[in-house]
Amino acid sequence: MNKPDNFDRKSHTPTTTQERNRANLHQWCDLAVGMQAIRGQWKASILMALSETESDIPALQGRLAVADGRVCVRALRELEKDRLVERSAGGTRYSLSPDGSQLIEILGDIARWQRARSKTGA
């Protein structure tokens, strides 16, 4: 059974207008591709938490108050697939990859920008 599943993007041909637009945007906009890697529930927060110390899933859930462990696991797997986090040899602890470490400064800038906006009522 070599049928692609819904998560196999390489074998998926865009069929909806939204999918075609996203594919076209990703062909010429590096920012859109980069944002896709950190878009989603808890991804940016997980990266920021891992910037402080490597963690296992229960420790991350405790620090981020993630209600559902499946959400955390899914986000970690996607971040790992996008080479932003790495799993330890035993597969139980996560840490930032070199790419993830570079991204932390940018995420910190966004957090500072939002704090400044919040003070002005934005």
N, C-alpha and C. Protein backbone atom coordinates (compact mmCIF):
# COMPACT_ATOMS: atom_id res chain seq x y z
N MET A 1 0.82 -1.18 0.00
CA MET A 1 0.00 0.00 0.00
C MET A 1 0.87 1.25 0.00
N ASN A 2 1.14 1.77 -1.14
CA ASN A 2 1.93 2.98 -1.25
C ASN A 2 1.07 4.20 -1.50
N LYS A 3 -0.11 4.22 -0.92
CA LYS A 3 -0.99 5.37 -1.08
C LYS A 3 -0.52 6.49 -0.16
N PRO A 4 -0.44 7.72 -0.66
CA PRO A 4 -0.04 8.83 0.20
C PRO A 4 -1.14 9.15 1.19
N ASP A 5 -0.73 9.59 2.38
CA ASP A 5 -1.74 10.02 3.34
C ASP A 5 -1.88 11.54 3.27
N ASN A 6 -2.71 12.10 4.11
CA ASN A 6 -2.97 13.54 4.08
C ASN A 6 -1.75 14.36 4.47
N PHE A 7 -0.77 13.74 5.11
CA PHE A 7 0.39 14.47 5.57
C PHE A 7 1.57 14.40 4.61
N ASP A 8 1.42 13.64 3.53
CA ASP A 8 2.48 13.49 2.54
C ASP A 8 2.37 14.61 1.52
N ARG A 9 2.99 15.75 1.82
CA ARG A 9 2.86 16.95 0.99
C ARG A 9 3.52 16.79 -0.38
N LYS A 10 4.58 15.99 -0.48
CA LYS A 10 5.30 15.87 -1.74
C LYS A 10 4.45 15.20 -2.82
N SER A 11 3.58 14.30 -2.42
CA SER A 11 2.77 13.61 -3.41
C SER A 11 1.40 14.28 -3.60
N HIS A 12 1.19 15.37 -2.88
CA HIS A 12 -0.10 16.06 -2.93
C HIS A 12 -0.06 17.18 -3.96
N THR A 13 -0.97 17.16 -4.89
CA THR A 13 -1.09 18.24 -5.88
C THR A 13 -2.14 19.22 -5.38
N PRO A 14 -1.78 20.52 -5.32
CA PRO A 14 -2.76 21.50 -4.83
C PRO A 14 -4.03 21.48 -5.68
N THR A 15 -5.17 21.38 -5.01
CA THR A 15 -6.43 21.31 -5.73
C THR A 15 -7.34 22.49 -5.44
N THR A 16 -7.24 23.05 -4.26
CA THR A 16 -8.09 24.19 -3.93
C THR A 16 -7.37 25.49 -4.27
N THR A 17 -8.12 26.54 -4.37
CA THR A 17 -7.53 27.86 -4.64
C THR A 17 -6.55 28.23 -3.54
N GLN A 18 -6.92 27.96 -2.29
CA GLN A 18 -6.04 28.28 -1.16
C GLN A 18 -4.73 27.50 -1.27
N GLU A 19 -4.79 26.22 -1.60
CA GLU A 19 -3.57 25.42 -1.74
C GLU A 19 -2.71 25.93 -2.89
N ARG A 20 -3.33 26.27 -4.01
CA ARG A 20 -2.56 26.80 -5.15
C ARG A 20 -1.91 28.13 -4.79
N ASN A 21 -2.64 29.00 -4.10
CA ASN A 21 -2.08 30.29 -3.69
C ASN A 21 -0.90 30.10 -2.75
N ARG A 22 -1.04 29.18 -1.79
CA ARG A 22 0.04 28.91 -0.85
C ARG A 22 1.27 28.38 -1.59
N ALA A 23 1.07 27.46 -2.51
CA ALA A 23 2.18 26.91 -3.28
C ALA A 23 2.87 27.99 -4.10
N ASN A 24 2.09 28.87 -4.72
CA ASN A 24 2.67 29.96 -5.50
C ASN A 24 3.44 30.93 -4.61
N LEU A 25 2.88 31.25 -3.46
CA LEU A 25 3.55 32.16 -2.54
C LEU A 25 4.88 31.58 -2.08
N HIS A 26 4.89 30.29 -1.78
CA HIS A 26 6.11 29.66 -1.28
C HIS A 26 7.19 29.57 -2.36
N GLN A 27 6.81 29.70 -3.61
CA GLN A 27 7.81 29.66 -4.68
C GLN A 27 8.65 30.94 -4.73
N TRP A 28 8.09 32.06 -4.27
CA TRP A 28 8.84 33.30 -4.40
C TRP A 28 9.03 34.06 -3.10
N CYS A 29 8.45 33.61 -2.00
CA CYS A 29 8.55 34.36 -0.75
C CYS A 29 9.18 33.51 0.35
N ASP A 30 10.46 33.77 0.61
CA ASP A 30 11.15 33.03 1.66
C ASP A 30 10.53 33.26 3.03
N LEU A 31 10.00 34.45 3.26
CA LEU A 31 9.36 34.74 4.54
C LEU A 31 8.17 33.81 4.78
N ALA A 32 7.36 33.59 3.77
CA ALA A 32 6.20 32.70 3.93
C ALA A 32 6.64 31.29 4.29
N VAL A 33 7.70 30.82 3.69
CA VAL A 33 8.20 29.48 3.99
C VAL A 33 8.72 29.43 5.42
N GLY A 34 9.47 30.45 5.82
CA GLY A 34 9.99 30.51 7.19
C GLY A 34 8.88 30.58 8.23
N MET A 35 7.87 31.37 7.96
CA MET A 35 6.75 31.50 8.89
C MET A 35 5.99 30.19 9.01
N GLN A 36 5.92 29.44 7.94
CA GLN A 36 5.22 28.14 7.98
C GLN A 36 5.87 27.22 9.00
N ALA A 37 7.18 27.31 9.16
CA ALA A 37 7.89 26.43 10.09
C ALA A 37 7.54 26.71 11.54
N ILE A 38 7.15 27.95 11.87
CA ILE A 38 6.85 28.27 13.27
C ILE A 38 5.37 28.54 13.50
N ARG A 39 4.57 28.42 12.45
CA ARG A 39 3.14 28.63 12.58
C ARG A 39 2.50 27.41 13.23
N GLY A 40 1.58 27.62 14.11
CA GLY A 40 0.88 26.51 14.74
C GLY A 40 0.90 26.63 16.24
N GLN A 41 0.07 25.81 16.86
CA GLN A 41 -0.08 25.87 18.30
C GLN A 41 1.23 25.55 19.01
N TRP A 42 1.65 26.45 19.84
CA TRP A 42 2.74 26.27 20.79
C TRP A 42 4.14 26.21 20.20
N LYS A 43 4.31 26.25 18.88
CA LYS A 43 5.65 26.08 18.32
C LYS A 43 6.63 27.15 18.80
N ALA A 44 6.25 28.41 18.69
CA ALA A 44 7.16 29.49 19.11
C ALA A 44 7.43 29.40 20.61
N SER A 45 6.40 29.08 21.40
CA SER A 45 6.58 28.96 22.85
C SER A 45 7.50 27.79 23.19
N ILE A 46 7.36 26.69 22.48
CA ILE A 46 8.24 25.55 22.70
C ILE A 46 9.69 25.92 22.39
N LEU A 47 9.90 26.62 21.29
CA LEU A 47 11.26 27.05 20.94
C LEU A 47 11.84 27.95 22.02
N MET A 48 11.03 28.90 22.51
CA MET A 48 11.53 29.80 23.55
C MET A 48 11.85 29.02 24.83
N ALA A 49 11.01 28.06 25.19
CA ALA A 49 11.27 27.25 26.38
C ALA A 49 12.55 26.43 26.21
N LEU A 50 12.75 25.87 25.03
CA LEU A 50 13.96 25.08 24.78
C LEU A 50 15.21 25.95 24.72
N SER A 51 15.04 27.25 24.49
CA SER A 51 16.21 28.14 24.47
C SER A 51 16.80 28.27 25.88
N GLU A 52 15.98 28.04 26.90
CA GLU A 52 16.45 28.13 28.28
C GLU A 52 17.13 26.85 28.73
N THR A 53 16.57 25.71 28.34
CA THR A 53 17.15 24.42 28.72
C THR A 53 16.51 23.31 27.89
N GLU A 54 17.26 22.24 27.65
CA GLU A 54 16.65 21.11 26.95
C GLU A 54 15.62 20.48 27.88
N SER A 55 14.61 19.85 27.30
CA SER A 55 13.51 19.32 28.11
C SER A 55 12.95 18.06 27.50
N ASP A 56 12.26 17.31 28.34
CA ASP A 56 11.45 16.22 27.84
C ASP A 56 10.01 16.72 27.73
N ILE A 57 9.14 15.90 27.18
CA ILE A 57 7.76 16.34 26.92
C ILE A 57 7.01 16.70 28.20
N PRO A 58 7.06 15.89 29.26
CA PRO A 58 6.34 16.29 30.48
C PRO A 58 6.83 17.62 31.06
N ALA A 59 8.13 17.85 31.02
CA ALA A 59 8.67 19.12 31.53
C ALA A 59 8.18 20.30 30.69
N LEU A 60 8.16 20.11 29.36
CA LEU A 60 7.65 21.18 28.49
C LEU A 60 6.17 21.45 28.78
N GLN A 61 5.40 20.40 28.94
CA GLN A 61 3.98 20.57 29.23
C GLN A 61 3.79 21.33 30.54
N GLY A 62 4.58 21.03 31.53
CA GLY A 62 4.48 21.73 32.81
C GLY A 62 4.83 23.20 32.69
N ARG A 63 5.83 23.50 31.90
CA ARG A 63 6.28 24.89 31.76
C ARG A 63 5.34 25.72 30.90
N LEU A 64 4.70 25.09 29.94
CA LEU A 64 3.86 25.83 29.00
C LEU A 64 2.37 25.67 29.26
N ALA A 65 2.01 24.87 30.25
CA ALA A 65 0.61 24.60 30.55
C ALA A 65 -0.14 24.11 29.30
N VAL A 66 0.51 23.24 28.54
CA VAL A 66 -0.12 22.67 27.36
C VAL A 66 -1.20 21.71 27.85
N ALA A 67 -2.42 21.95 27.43
CA ALA A 67 -3.54 21.14 27.92
C ALA A 67 -3.50 19.71 27.40
N ASP A 68 -3.05 19.53 26.20
CA ASP A 68 -3.10 18.21 25.58
C ASP A 68 -1.71 17.79 25.15
N GLY A 69 -1.26 16.66 25.64
CA GLY A 69 0.06 16.17 25.30
C GLY A 69 0.23 15.92 23.82
N ARG A 70 -0.85 15.56 23.14
CA ARG A 70 -0.76 15.29 21.70
C ARG A 70 -0.37 16.55 20.94
N VAL A 71 -0.85 17.70 21.40
CA VAL A 71 -0.51 18.97 20.75
C VAL A 71 0.99 19.22 20.86
N CYS A 72 1.52 19.00 22.04
CA CYS A 72 2.95 19.21 22.27
C CYS A 72 3.79 18.25 21.44
N VAL A 73 3.41 16.99 21.41
CA VAL A 73 4.15 15.99 20.64
C VAL A 73 4.09 16.32 19.15
N ARG A 74 2.93 16.69 18.65
CA ARG A 74 2.79 17.03 17.23
C ARG A 74 3.67 18.23 16.89
N ALA A 75 3.64 19.26 17.74
CA ALA A 75 4.45 20.45 17.49
C ALA A 75 5.94 20.10 17.50
N LEU A 76 6.37 19.29 18.46
CA LEU A 76 7.77 18.89 18.53
C LEU A 76 8.19 18.10 17.30
N ARG A 77 7.35 17.21 16.85
CA ARG A 77 7.69 16.43 15.64
C ARG A 77 7.79 17.32 14.41
N GLU A 78 6.88 18.29 14.30
CA GLU A 78 6.95 19.22 13.17
C GLU A 78 8.20 20.09 13.25
N LEU A 79 8.53 20.55 14.46
CA LEU A 79 9.74 21.35 14.64
C LEU A 79 10.99 20.52 14.33
N GLU A 80 10.95 19.25 14.69
CA GLU A 80 12.08 18.37 14.39
C GLU A 80 12.19 18.15 12.88
N LYS A 81 11.06 17.95 12.23
CA LYS A 81 11.04 17.77 10.77
C LYS A 81 11.59 19.01 10.06
N ASP A 82 11.29 20.18 10.61
CA ASP A 82 11.78 21.44 10.03
C ASP A 82 13.18 21.79 10.52
N ARG A 83 13.82 20.86 11.24
CA ARG A 83 15.20 21.00 11.71
C ARG A 83 15.40 22.18 12.66
N LEU A 84 14.38 22.47 13.47
CA LEU A 84 14.50 23.54 14.46
C LEU A 84 14.77 22.99 15.86
N VAL A 85 14.42 21.73 16.10
CA VAL A 85 14.76 21.05 17.35
C VAL A 85 15.38 19.70 17.01
N GLU A 86 16.10 19.18 18.00
CA GLU A 86 16.73 17.86 17.86
C GLU A 86 16.34 17.01 19.06
N ARG A 87 16.18 15.72 18.81
CA ARG A 87 15.91 14.76 19.88
C ARG A 87 17.21 14.13 20.32
N SER A 88 17.34 13.87 21.61
CA SER A 88 18.54 13.22 22.13
C SER A 88 18.63 11.80 21.58
N ALA A 89 19.80 11.19 21.75
CA ALA A 89 20.03 9.84 21.23
C ALA A 89 19.00 8.86 21.80
N GLY A 90 18.62 9.04 23.06
CA GLY A 90 17.61 8.17 23.66
C GLY A 90 16.20 8.51 23.22
N GLY A 91 16.04 9.65 22.59
CA GLY A 91 14.75 10.04 22.05
C GLY A 91 13.78 10.61 23.07
N THR A 92 14.29 10.97 24.26
CA THR A 92 13.37 11.46 25.29
C THR A 92 13.51 12.95 25.57
N ARG A 93 14.62 13.55 25.20
CA ARG A 93 14.85 14.97 25.49
C ARG A 93 15.00 15.73 24.18
N TYR A 94 14.52 16.96 24.21
CA TYR A 94 14.58 17.83 23.04
C TYR A 94 15.44 19.04 23.36
N SER A 95 16.15 19.51 22.33
CA SER A 95 16.94 20.73 22.45
C SER A 95 16.88 21.47 21.11
N LEU A 96 17.31 22.71 21.12
CA LEU A 96 17.33 23.49 19.89
C LEU A 96 18.42 23.00 18.96
N SER A 97 18.14 22.98 17.69
CA SER A 97 19.16 22.71 16.68
C SER A 97 19.88 24.03 16.42
N PRO A 98 20.96 24.01 15.64
CA PRO A 98 21.60 25.28 15.29
C PRO A 98 20.63 26.25 14.59
N ASP A 99 19.78 25.73 13.71
CA ASP A 99 18.79 26.60 13.05
C ASP A 99 17.81 27.18 14.07
N GLY A 100 17.38 26.35 15.02
CA GLY A 100 16.47 26.82 16.06
C GLY A 100 17.10 27.88 16.93
N SER A 101 18.38 27.71 17.23
CA SER A 101 19.10 28.71 18.03
C SER A 101 19.16 30.06 17.32
N GLN A 102 19.36 30.03 16.02
CA GLN A 102 19.38 31.28 15.25
C GLN A 102 18.02 31.96 15.27
N LEU A 103 16.97 31.18 15.27
CA LEU A 103 15.61 31.71 15.24
C LEU A 103 15.22 32.37 16.56
N ILE A 104 15.82 31.95 17.68
CA ILE A 104 15.45 32.47 18.99
C ILE A 104 15.60 33.98 19.08
N GLU A 105 16.65 34.52 18.51
CA GLU A 105 16.85 35.97 18.55
C GLU A 105 15.69 36.69 17.85
N ILE A 106 15.27 36.16 16.74
CA ILE A 106 14.15 36.76 15.98
C ILE A 106 12.86 36.67 16.79
N LEU A 107 12.60 35.51 17.40
CA LEU A 107 11.39 35.35 18.21
C LEU A 107 11.42 36.28 19.42
N GLY A 108 12.60 36.46 20.00
CA GLY A 108 12.74 37.41 21.11
C GLY A 108 12.42 38.82 20.67
N ASP A 109 12.87 39.20 19.48
CA ASP A 109 12.56 40.53 18.94
C ASP A 109 11.06 40.70 18.75
N ILE A 110 10.40 39.67 18.26
CA ILE A 110 8.94 39.74 18.07
C ILE A 110 8.24 39.88 19.42
N ALA A 111 8.70 39.15 20.43
CA ALA A 111 8.10 39.24 21.76
C ALA A 111 8.29 40.65 22.33
N ARG A 112 9.47 41.23 22.18
CA ARG A 112 9.72 42.60 22.67
C ARG A 112 8.86 43.60 21.91
N TRP A 113 8.71 43.42 20.62
CA TRP A 113 7.86 44.28 19.80
C TRP A 113 6.42 44.23 20.30
N GLN A 114 5.92 43.03 20.59
CA GLN A 114 4.54 42.89 21.07
C GLN A 114 4.37 43.52 22.45
N ARG A 115 5.35 43.35 23.34
CA ARG A 115 5.25 43.98 24.67
C ARG A 115 5.16 45.49 24.53
N ALA A 116 5.95 46.06 23.62
CA ALA A 116 5.92 47.52 23.41
C ALA A 116 4.57 47.93 22.85
N ARG A 117 4.02 47.15 21.95
CA ARG A 117 2.69 47.45 21.40
C ARG A 117 1.61 47.38 22.47
N SER A 118 1.75 46.40 23.37
CA SER A 118 0.74 46.24 24.42
C SER A 118 0.72 47.45 25.34
N LYS A 119 1.85 48.05 25.56
CA LYS A 119 1.93 49.23 26.43
C LYS A 119 1.24 50.43 25.80
N THR A 120 1.19 50.45 24.48
CA THR A 120 0.54 51.58 23.78
C THR A 120 -0.90 51.29 23.45
N GLY A 121 -1.40 50.14 23.88
CA GLY A 121 -2.80 49.80 23.66
C GLY A 121 -3.09 49.09 22.35
N ALA A 122 -2.07 48.65 21.67
CA ALA A 122 -2.28 47.96 20.39
C ALA A 122 -2.64 46.51 20.60
